[in-house]
Amino acid sequence: MKSKIQRESKFAAKCKVFGLALSIMILFASCSHAETSRESPDAEANQMTLEQIAREKRHHGPDRFTNPFAPPRTHGLKEFLKWKLFSENPFEEQYADEPVNPVNIDWKPIIAYDGLSVTFINHASVLIRDAGVSILVDPIFFGLSFFYTNFTPLDFDVDTMPKPDHILITHGHYDHLDKDSLSVFAPDTPDTHVITPLGYDQIFSSLEMKNRTQLDWFDAFNDGEREIILLPCNHWTMRNPLTGPNQNLWGSYLIRTKTGPTIFISGDTAYFDGFKEIGARYDIDLAILSVGAYEPRWFMKQSHMNPAEAVQAAKDLRAKKILIVHWGTFRLGNEPVHVPPGDVLRELQKARMADRLLDIHHGETVYY
């Protein structure tokens, strides 16, 4: 009996070690920054428009993609361990106040509405309904791993939500491309169309999701009623630290809806001057901006915008309305999960832009 208990104890310990290692890998793959093959900044790209960069494939490297907007060498495992193991966290005492808020959505009125609606599900997941067509962005329904608290667990059956006609994936980090969530729609819903940046063949082949369109920057998909364009952003991606970063592309999306409004979806991005060009090129009615996992700045600045940078991005984009996502579900940075909306509102008030904020939380919907 004792040996059985010892075996079970050893097995449980191994599971905990494996789970901890997996969680560290997920966080490192999602929050550290790529080291590019460039030895100096891409000075030529800094003088080019976004469209010129895309046309000349300046983001295509010999064996992987590269971020022409980022410094040549950025934070890796050494800095990640410094942050997680040796840096002081001034927010830690606030973690006791972080609420767990289950998300319960009544999909019936959303399905019945034949105009444009945007539902903030959780994390960076939103469902856009455009004249009866459903566009689902970066679904993550079941959490990351048991080492990460899910502060907005879904309190509804995923089968009750509208089946997506299009699924948009912004990039490959685990909190945006979640195989378990995608498997809900595959392979039993072959009509579901997936739109991704270049790459990701192995993942979607394993899911048997064959109805897929891959886009490079400034490529567009048009279903006859709406246009979906992949745009550049200042980010990167990685699934496996052993094989390295940027084997697949990343991006933002712009949706010209059938119902009229134009929606910009930033995906994960650091601030960059490209927002100004995008704002001058497109008439953006709603900017869905990712604002979360932005502390500490010395580590996160090259991957994620903080509230002040997000407000500057909204100015650059000339967005009529702003929706903040990528907060409240997982604590991926130092800041408490519930603080980003208040921080953004204060920055908007300073800029006299508070009237642009759509103050909706997880599970809530705005109708146009």
Foldseek 3Di string as FASTA:
>chain_A
DVVVVVVVVVVVVVVVVVQVVQVLQLLQQVFFAAQAPDPFQPVVVVVDAQVVCLVVVVQDDPQFGHFNFFGNGGGHDVVVCCVPPPDDFPAVVVQVVQAQAEAEADQVVVQVDQDWKWAFAAQQWIWIAHRNAIEIFQDDQCDQGPVWFFSYHYPDDPVPHDQHQEYEAQADRCSRDPLVVVLVCPDVPQNREYEYAPDPPVSCVVRVNPRYDYDGAQDWDDPPQKIKGWHAAQAWGDDGPVVGTGSTDGTKIWMQGNNGAIETEGPWHAADLSLLVQLVVDPHAEYEAEEAQCPPVSRRRSTHYHLLSVVVSCVSNVYQAYEYHNASTTHSHSHRRPCRVVSNCVNCVVVVNNVRYDPDDHNDMDGD
